[in-house]
Structure formats: C-alpha cells, structure tokens
Amino acid sequence: MYSKILVLRFSEDVAQKPVVCHLARDFDLVFNILNATILPGREGVMVMELSGSKKNFRDGVAFLKSNGIKVKNASREVKRVTARCTHCGACTAVCPTGALSIRRPEMEVVFDQEKCSICELCVPACPPRAMEVRPIRDALVE
C-alpha cells in the first residue's frame, strides 16, 4: 500500500467539479480529507491522504493534474524532540488521529508518525514544546 499526504489546489473553474470522487471510483484509491476550503467559483485548497497501489496512485494524480488541479506533497511534518518530552500526555488529549498515545503501564507518550495528519494541534498543547513542525521536500508530485 502506497500512501502520501497531498495538497491540492483547485482553480475556480475546477472547484465546482466532483473530481476527487473519481479517485475512489476509477482508480481504486482511498482518500482521507484532512482539511479543505473549496467554494464554488473560487480557488480551493484541500489536504488529503491518498492511499492505494503505486500504479493507481500515479494514475490518480495524473487524472487530477489533467483536470487542472495542482498537486504537491505536504511541505511539512510534525516531529517530536524526544529529549524535550516529559511524557505529560497533554498532546494525547488533542490528537484526533491517535498518532499520540500513552503506553501503559509505563505511562510513556508514544508518537506514531504514520498516523499523523499534520493538524498541528499537538504543537501548542505541548508544555515543554517537544512537538515541532518541520519543513520537508516541497516538490510537485511526479
């Protein structure tokens, strides 16, 4: 299974078209919309996690691009600075995906980056500032 978090930019012409549903129907891809601001007649932005076979992923991205959608890899990621973490658990209370959890009986905070949706809610919630947002490669998806 191949999976990436993508940022899609829709022109005002494309924002009214149901192109994203074709990813599931025509390309057998699973998508999870993490954030979106799309209004008819205006430019829109959507952050989604897209998963499936590598071939279907490439074909689905090519379909999006052929419909005038700009597709980029998410340009940042959330990381934990382990040396700063006091395992207080404050971050686990705000994490919507379960990427941050408490391992019992040790009472240690565990960060599963694969589950992270880059919502960044953990960053301000962390008293010792162990959670950080870092830039990653910001290139168009090939």
N, C-alpha and C. Protein backbone atom coordinates (compact mmCIF):
# COMPACT_ATOMS: atom_id res chain seq x y z
N MET A 1 0.85 -1.18 0.00
CA MET A 1 0.00 0.00 0.00
C MET A 1 0.89 1.23 0.00
N TYR A 2 0.64 2.13 -0.92
CA TYR A 2 1.39 3.37 -1.06
C TYR A 2 0.51 4.49 -0.52
N SER A 3 1.09 5.41 0.25
CA SER A 3 0.29 6.47 0.87
C SER A 3 1.11 7.74 0.98
N LYS A 4 0.48 8.88 0.68
CA LYS A 4 1.12 10.19 0.82
C LYS A 4 0.07 11.21 1.21
N ILE A 5 0.54 12.25 1.89
CA ILE A 5 -0.33 13.39 2.18
C ILE A 5 -0.06 14.43 1.10
N LEU A 6 -1.11 14.85 0.43
CA LEU A 6 -1.00 15.77 -0.70
C LEU A 6 -1.76 17.06 -0.43
N VAL A 7 -1.29 18.12 -1.07
CA VAL A 7 -2.00 19.40 -1.06
C VAL A 7 -2.49 19.63 -2.48
N LEU A 8 -3.81 19.77 -2.63
CA LEU A 8 -4.41 20.01 -3.95
C LEU A 8 -4.89 21.45 -4.03
N ARG A 9 -4.60 22.11 -5.14
CA ARG A 9 -5.07 23.48 -5.37
C ARG A 9 -5.98 23.45 -6.59
N PHE A 10 -7.23 23.86 -6.37
CA PHE A 10 -8.24 23.85 -7.40
C PHE A 10 -8.43 25.27 -7.94
N SER A 11 -8.46 25.42 -9.26
CA SER A 11 -8.80 26.72 -9.82
C SER A 11 -10.29 26.95 -9.63
N GLU A 12 -10.74 28.16 -9.82
CA GLU A 12 -12.16 28.44 -9.63
C GLU A 12 -13.03 27.65 -10.61
N ASP A 13 -12.50 27.31 -11.79
CA ASP A 13 -13.27 26.51 -12.77
C ASP A 13 -13.48 25.08 -12.28
N VAL A 14 -12.45 24.52 -11.66
CA VAL A 14 -12.47 23.11 -11.27
C VAL A 14 -13.15 22.90 -9.92
N ALA A 15 -13.22 23.92 -9.09
CA ALA A 15 -13.76 23.77 -7.73
C ALA A 15 -15.19 23.25 -7.73
N GLN A 16 -15.93 23.44 -8.81
CA GLN A 16 -17.33 23.00 -8.88
C GLN A 16 -17.47 21.56 -9.36
N LYS A 17 -16.39 20.97 -9.85
CA LYS A 17 -16.45 19.62 -10.42
C LYS A 17 -16.13 18.57 -9.35
N PRO A 18 -16.82 17.43 -9.39
CA PRO A 18 -16.58 16.37 -8.41
C PRO A 18 -15.42 15.45 -8.79
N VAL A 19 -14.23 16.02 -8.98
CA VAL A 19 -13.11 15.23 -9.47
C VAL A 19 -12.54 14.27 -8.43
N VAL A 20 -12.58 14.62 -7.15
CA VAL A 20 -11.95 13.79 -6.13
C VAL A 20 -12.66 12.44 -5.98
N CYS A 21 -13.96 12.39 -6.18
CA CYS A 21 -14.67 11.11 -6.05
C CYS A 21 -14.21 10.09 -7.09
N HIS A 22 -13.66 10.57 -8.21
CA HIS A 22 -13.15 9.66 -9.24
C HIS A 22 -11.92 8.89 -8.76
N LEU A 23 -11.22 9.42 -7.78
CA LEU A 23 -10.05 8.71 -7.25
C LEU A 23 -10.45 7.36 -6.68
N ALA A 24 -11.57 7.33 -5.97
CA ALA A 24 -12.05 6.07 -5.40
C ALA A 24 -12.71 5.20 -6.46
N ARG A 25 -13.56 5.80 -7.25
CA ARG A 25 -14.35 5.03 -8.21
C ARG A 25 -13.52 4.51 -9.38
N ASP A 26 -12.69 5.37 -9.98
CA ASP A 26 -11.99 5.00 -11.20
C ASP A 26 -10.58 4.46 -10.97
N PHE A 27 -9.98 4.79 -9.82
CA PHE A 27 -8.58 4.41 -9.61
C PHE A 27 -8.38 3.54 -8.36
N ASP A 28 -9.47 3.15 -7.73
CA ASP A 28 -9.42 2.27 -6.56
C ASP A 28 -8.48 2.81 -5.48
N LEU A 29 -8.55 4.13 -5.24
CA LEU A 29 -7.74 4.78 -4.23
C LEU A 29 -8.61 5.15 -3.04
N VAL A 30 -8.02 5.17 -1.88
CA VAL A 30 -8.72 5.57 -0.66
C VAL A 30 -8.20 6.95 -0.31
N PHE A 31 -9.12 7.88 -0.05
CA PHE A 31 -8.67 9.21 0.34
C PHE A 31 -9.31 9.61 1.65
N ASN A 32 -8.54 10.37 2.42
CA ASN A 32 -8.99 10.90 3.69
C ASN A 32 -8.75 12.40 3.64
N ILE A 33 -9.81 13.18 3.61
CA ILE A 33 -9.67 14.63 3.54
C ILE A 33 -9.34 15.14 4.94
N LEU A 34 -8.19 15.75 5.07
CA LEU A 34 -7.70 16.23 6.35
C LEU A 34 -8.08 17.69 6.59
N ASN A 35 -8.18 18.45 5.51
CA ASN A 35 -8.55 19.85 5.60
C ASN A 35 -8.96 20.31 4.21
N ALA A 36 -9.96 21.17 4.12
CA ALA A 36 -10.38 21.65 2.81
C ALA A 36 -11.09 22.99 2.92
N THR A 37 -10.81 23.84 1.95
CA THR A 37 -11.53 25.09 1.78
C THR A 37 -11.82 25.21 0.29
N ILE A 38 -13.01 24.81 -0.09
CA ILE A 38 -13.39 24.82 -1.50
C ILE A 38 -14.79 25.40 -1.60
N LEU A 39 -14.92 26.48 -2.34
CA LEU A 39 -16.21 27.13 -2.55
C LEU A 39 -16.44 27.28 -4.04
N PRO A 40 -17.68 27.14 -4.52
CA PRO A 40 -17.96 27.31 -5.95
C PRO A 40 -17.53 28.70 -6.43
N GLY A 41 -16.88 28.70 -7.59
CA GLY A 41 -16.48 29.96 -8.19
C GLY A 41 -15.25 30.60 -7.57
N ARG A 42 -14.57 29.89 -6.67
CA ARG A 42 -13.36 30.40 -6.03
C ARG A 42 -12.28 29.34 -6.06
N GLU A 43 -11.03 29.80 -5.94
CA GLU A 43 -9.92 28.86 -5.85
C GLU A 43 -10.05 28.08 -4.55
N GLY A 44 -9.71 26.80 -4.58
CA GLY A 44 -9.83 25.97 -3.38
C GLY A 44 -8.54 25.24 -3.06
N VAL A 45 -8.42 24.83 -1.80
CA VAL A 45 -7.26 24.07 -1.33
C VAL A 45 -7.78 22.88 -0.52
N MET A 46 -7.17 21.73 -0.73
CA MET A 46 -7.54 20.53 0.01
C MET A 46 -6.26 19.79 0.41
N VAL A 47 -6.22 19.33 1.65
CA VAL A 47 -5.13 18.47 2.11
C VAL A 47 -5.75 17.10 2.32
N MET A 48 -5.16 16.10 1.68
CA MET A 48 -5.71 14.75 1.78
C MET A 48 -4.61 13.72 1.85
N GLU A 49 -4.93 12.64 2.52
CA GLU A 49 -4.05 11.47 2.49
C GLU A 49 -4.62 10.56 1.42
N LEU A 50 -3.78 10.16 0.49
CA LEU A 50 -4.21 9.33 -0.63
C LEU A 50 -3.45 8.01 -0.57
N SER A 51 -4.18 6.88 -0.64
CA SER A 51 -3.56 5.56 -0.49
C SER A 51 -4.07 4.60 -1.55
N GLY A 52 -3.19 3.70 -1.94
CA GLY A 52 -3.54 2.66 -2.90
C GLY A 52 -2.28 2.07 -3.49
N SER A 53 -2.43 1.32 -4.57
CA SER A 53 -1.24 0.77 -5.23
C SER A 53 -0.47 1.92 -5.87
N LYS A 54 0.83 1.72 -6.04
CA LYS A 54 1.67 2.79 -6.59
C LYS A 54 1.22 3.18 -7.99
N LYS A 55 0.85 2.21 -8.80
CA LYS A 55 0.39 2.49 -10.17
C LYS A 55 -0.90 3.30 -10.14
N ASN A 56 -1.87 2.86 -9.33
CA ASN A 56 -3.14 3.59 -9.25
C ASN A 56 -2.93 4.99 -8.68
N PHE A 57 -2.00 5.12 -7.73
CA PHE A 57 -1.67 6.42 -7.16
C PHE A 57 -1.18 7.36 -8.26
N ARG A 58 -0.22 6.88 -9.05
CA ARG A 58 0.32 7.71 -10.15
C ARG A 58 -0.77 8.06 -11.15
N ASP A 59 -1.60 7.08 -11.51
CA ASP A 59 -2.68 7.33 -12.46
C ASP A 59 -3.70 8.33 -11.91
N GLY A 60 -4.01 8.20 -10.61
CA GLY A 60 -4.95 9.12 -9.98
C GLY A 60 -4.42 10.54 -9.93
N VAL A 61 -3.13 10.69 -9.61
CA VAL A 61 -2.52 12.02 -9.59
C VAL A 61 -2.49 12.60 -11.00
N ALA A 62 -2.19 11.77 -11.98
CA ALA A 62 -2.19 12.24 -13.38
C ALA A 62 -3.59 12.71 -13.77
N PHE A 63 -4.62 11.99 -13.32
CA PHE A 63 -6.01 12.40 -13.59
C PHE A 63 -6.29 13.77 -12.97
N LEU A 64 -5.88 13.96 -11.71
CA LEU A 64 -6.10 15.25 -11.06
C LEU A 64 -5.43 16.37 -11.84
N LYS A 65 -4.17 16.15 -12.22
CA LYS A 65 -3.43 17.17 -12.97
C LYS A 65 -4.07 17.45 -14.32
N SER A 66 -4.57 16.41 -14.98
CA SER A 66 -5.21 16.60 -16.29
C SER A 66 -6.50 17.41 -16.16
N ASN A 67 -7.04 17.50 -14.96
CA ASN A 67 -8.23 18.30 -14.72
C ASN A 67 -7.89 19.68 -14.15
N GLY A 68 -6.63 20.08 -14.25
CA GLY A 68 -6.23 21.42 -13.86
C GLY A 68 -5.98 21.60 -12.38
N ILE A 69 -5.78 20.51 -11.63
CA ILE A 69 -5.52 20.60 -10.21
C ILE A 69 -4.01 20.53 -9.99
N LYS A 70 -3.47 21.48 -9.21
CA LYS A 70 -2.05 21.45 -8.87
C LYS A 70 -1.89 20.53 -7.66
N VAL A 71 -0.98 19.56 -7.78
CA VAL A 71 -0.79 18.56 -6.74
C VAL A 71 0.64 18.65 -6.21
N LYS A 72 0.75 18.82 -4.88
CA LYS A 72 2.06 18.89 -4.24
C LYS A 72 2.09 17.96 -3.03
N ASN A 73 3.28 17.50 -2.69
CA ASN A 73 3.46 16.78 -1.43
C ASN A 73 3.25 17.76 -0.30
N ALA A 74 2.76 17.27 0.83
CA ALA A 74 2.66 18.14 2.00
C ALA A 74 4.07 18.64 2.30
N SER A 75 4.20 19.91 2.58
CA SER A 75 5.53 20.52 2.69
C SER A 75 6.06 20.55 4.11
N ARG A 76 5.37 19.91 5.03
CA ARG A 76 5.86 19.90 6.40
C ARG A 76 5.39 18.64 7.11
N GLU A 77 6.03 18.38 8.23
CA GLU A 77 5.67 17.22 9.03
C GLU A 77 5.83 17.58 10.50
N VAL A 78 5.14 16.85 11.34
CA VAL A 78 5.25 17.05 12.78
C VAL A 78 6.25 16.03 13.30
N LYS A 79 7.19 16.51 14.09
CA LYS A 79 8.21 15.64 14.70
C LYS A 79 8.22 15.87 16.20
N ARG A 80 8.64 14.86 16.94
CA ARG A 80 8.78 15.01 18.39
C ARG A 80 10.26 15.01 18.75
N VAL A 81 10.66 16.00 19.54
CA VAL A 81 12.02 16.07 20.07
C VAL A 81 11.99 15.26 21.37
N THR A 82 12.42 14.02 21.28
CA THR A 82 12.32 13.08 22.39
C THR A 82 13.00 13.59 23.67
N ALA A 83 14.11 14.27 23.51
CA ALA A 83 14.85 14.77 24.68
C ALA A 83 14.05 15.81 25.46
N ARG A 84 13.13 16.50 24.80
CA ARG A 84 12.32 17.52 25.48
C ARG A 84 11.04 16.96 26.10
N CYS A 85 10.60 15.82 25.63
CA CYS A 85 9.31 15.26 26.06
C CYS A 85 9.36 14.82 27.52
N THR A 86 8.40 15.30 28.30
CA THR A 86 8.31 14.92 29.72
C THR A 86 7.24 13.85 29.94
N HIS A 87 6.59 13.39 28.85
CA HIS A 87 5.57 12.35 28.89
C HIS A 87 4.37 12.77 29.75
N CYS A 88 4.01 14.05 29.68
CA CYS A 88 2.88 14.56 30.47
C CYS A 88 1.53 14.12 29.90
N GLY A 89 1.49 13.84 28.58
CA GLY A 89 0.26 13.38 27.96
C GLY A 89 -0.67 14.47 27.47
N ALA A 90 -0.31 15.73 27.61
CA ALA A 90 -1.19 16.83 27.17
C ALA A 90 -1.48 16.73 25.67
N CYS A 91 -0.51 16.30 24.89
CA CYS A 91 -0.67 16.20 23.44
C CYS A 91 -1.69 15.11 23.06
N THR A 92 -1.77 14.06 23.85
CA THR A 92 -2.67 12.95 23.52
C THR A 92 -4.14 13.37 23.60
N ALA A 93 -4.42 14.37 24.43
CA ALA A 93 -5.80 14.82 24.59
C ALA A 93 -6.33 15.54 23.36
N VAL A 94 -5.44 16.10 22.54
CA VAL A 94 -5.89 16.89 21.38
C VAL A 94 -5.65 16.18 20.05
N CYS A 95 -4.97 15.05 20.06
CA CYS A 95 -4.63 14.35 18.81
C CYS A 95 -5.85 13.61 18.25
N PRO A 96 -6.38 14.04 17.09
CA PRO A 96 -7.59 13.42 16.56
C PRO A 96 -7.38 12.08 15.88
N THR A 97 -6.13 11.73 15.54
CA THR A 97 -5.88 10.51 14.79
C THR A 97 -5.31 9.37 15.63
N GLY A 98 -4.97 9.63 16.89
CA GLY A 98 -4.35 8.61 17.72
C GLY A 98 -2.87 8.45 17.45
N ALA A 99 -2.26 9.40 16.74
CA ALA A 99 -0.82 9.33 16.48
C ALA A 99 -0.04 9.50 17.78
N LEU A 100 -0.63 10.19 18.72
CA LEU A 100 -0.02 10.35 20.05
C LEU A 100 -0.87 9.58 21.05
N SER A 101 -0.24 8.70 21.78
CA SER A 101 -0.98 7.88 22.76
C SER A 101 -0.08 7.60 23.96
N ILE A 102 -0.67 7.08 25.00
CA ILE A 102 0.09 6.75 26.20
C ILE A 102 0.23 5.24 26.31
N ARG A 103 1.46 4.78 26.40
CA ARG A 103 1.73 3.36 26.57
C ARG A 103 1.66 3.05 28.06
N ARG A 104 0.80 2.10 28.39
CA ARG A 104 0.63 1.69 29.79
C ARG A 104 1.27 0.33 30.00
N PRO A 105 1.80 0.02 31.10
CA PRO A 105 1.79 0.73 32.38
C PRO A 105 2.94 1.73 32.51
N GLU A 106 3.80 1.83 31.47
CA GLU A 106 4.98 2.70 31.57
C GLU A 106 4.62 4.18 31.66
N MET A 107 3.42 4.54 31.19
CA MET A 107 2.95 5.93 31.14
C MET A 107 3.88 6.80 30.28
N GLU A 108 4.29 6.24 29.14
CA GLU A 108 5.13 6.96 28.18
C GLU A 108 4.28 7.40 27.00
N VAL A 109 4.54 8.60 26.52
CA VAL A 109 3.86 9.09 25.33
C VAL A 109 4.55 8.48 24.11
N VAL A 110 3.76 7.89 23.24
CA VAL A 110 4.25 7.26 22.02
C VAL A 110 3.75 8.09 20.83
N PHE A 111 4.63 8.36 19.87
CA PHE A 111 4.26 9.12 18.68
C PHE A 111 4.41 8.22 17.46
N ASP A 112 3.28 7.92 16.79
CA ASP A 112 3.27 7.12 15.56
C ASP A 112 3.09 8.06 14.39
N GLN A 113 4.20 8.43 13.76
CA GLN A 113 4.16 9.42 12.69
C GLN A 113 3.31 8.97 11.50
N GLU A 114 3.17 7.68 11.29
CA GLU A 114 2.35 7.17 10.19
C GLU A 114 0.88 7.58 10.35
N LYS A 115 0.42 7.74 11.57
CA LYS A 115 -0.97 8.13 11.83
C LYS A 115 -1.17 9.64 11.84
N CYS A 116 -0.08 10.41 11.85
CA CYS A 116 -0.16 11.87 11.99
C CYS A 116 -0.75 12.51 10.74
N SER A 117 -1.76 13.37 10.94
CA SER A 117 -2.40 14.07 9.81
C SER A 117 -1.89 15.50 9.65
N ILE A 118 -0.88 15.87 10.40
CA ILE A 118 -0.26 17.19 10.34
C ILE A 118 -1.28 18.29 10.68
N CYS A 119 -2.16 18.00 11.60
CA CYS A 119 -3.15 19.01 12.01
C CYS A 119 -2.52 20.06 12.92
N GLU A 120 -1.40 19.72 13.53
CA GLU A 120 -0.59 20.61 14.38
C GLU A 120 -1.25 20.98 15.70
N LEU A 121 -2.32 20.31 16.10
CA LEU A 121 -2.96 20.62 17.38
C LEU A 121 -2.05 20.31 18.56
N CYS A 122 -1.17 19.35 18.40
CA CYS A 122 -0.27 18.95 19.48
C CYS A 122 0.80 20.00 19.76
N VAL A 123 1.15 20.80 18.79
CA VAL A 123 2.26 21.76 18.95
C VAL A 123 1.97 22.77 20.07
N PRO A 124 0.85 23.50 20.03
CA PRO A 124 0.61 24.44 21.13
C PRO A 124 0.20 23.74 22.43
N ALA A 125 -0.28 22.49 22.35
CA ALA A 125 -0.73 21.78 23.55
C ALA A 125 0.43 21.23 24.38
N CYS A 126 1.62 21.15 23.79
CA CYS A 126 2.77 20.53 24.46
C CYS A 126 3.50 21.54 25.34
N PRO A 127 3.40 21.39 26.69
CA PRO A 127 4.06 22.36 27.59
C PRO A 127 5.57 22.48 27.39
N PRO A 128 6.33 21.38 27.22
CA PRO A 128 7.78 21.54 27.04
C PRO A 128 8.20 21.82 25.59
N ARG A 129 7.23 21.97 24.71
CA ARG A 129 7.48 22.25 23.28
C ARG A 129 8.30 21.14 22.61
N ALA A 130 7.94 19.91 22.92
CA ALA A 130 8.62 18.76 22.31
C ALA A 130 8.10 18.47 20.91
N MET A 131 6.91 18.96 20.58
CA MET A 131 6.33 18.74 19.25
C MET A 131 6.65 19.94 18.37
N GLU A 132 7.21 19.66 17.18
CA GLU A 132 7.61 20.71 16.26
C GLU A 132 7.11 20.43 14.86
N VAL A 133 6.93 21.50 14.11
CA VAL A 133 6.60 21.38 12.69
C VAL A 133 7.88 21.68 11.93
N ARG A 134 8.24 20.75 11.05
CA ARG A 134 9.47 20.91 10.27
C ARG A 134 9.16 20.85 8.78
N PRO A 135 9.86 21.64 7.98
CA PRO A 135 9.64 21.58 6.54
C PRO A 135 10.23 20.29 5.97
N ILE A 136 9.60 19.78 4.94
CA ILE A 136 10.13 18.66 4.18
C ILE A 136 10.13 19.05 2.73
N ARG A 137 10.57 18.16 1.88
CA ARG A 137 10.66 18.46 0.45
C ARG A 137 9.32 18.98 -0.06
N ASP A 138 9.36 20.12 -0.72
CA ASP A 138 8.15 20.76 -1.23
C ASP A 138 8.19 20.73 -2.75
N ALA A 139 7.98 19.56 -3.31
CA ALA A 139 8.07 19.41 -4.76
C ALA A 139 6.74 18.95 -5.31
N LEU A 140 6.52 19.26 -6.57
CA LEU A 140 5.34 18.75 -7.24
C LEU A 140 5.42 17.23 -7.29
N VAL A 141 4.29 16.57 -7.14
CA VAL A 141 4.25 15.11 -7.20
C VAL A 141 4.46 14.69 -8.64
N GLU A 142 5.38 13.77 -8.83
CA GLU A 142 5.70 13.31 -10.19
C GLU A 142 4.74 12.26 -10.65
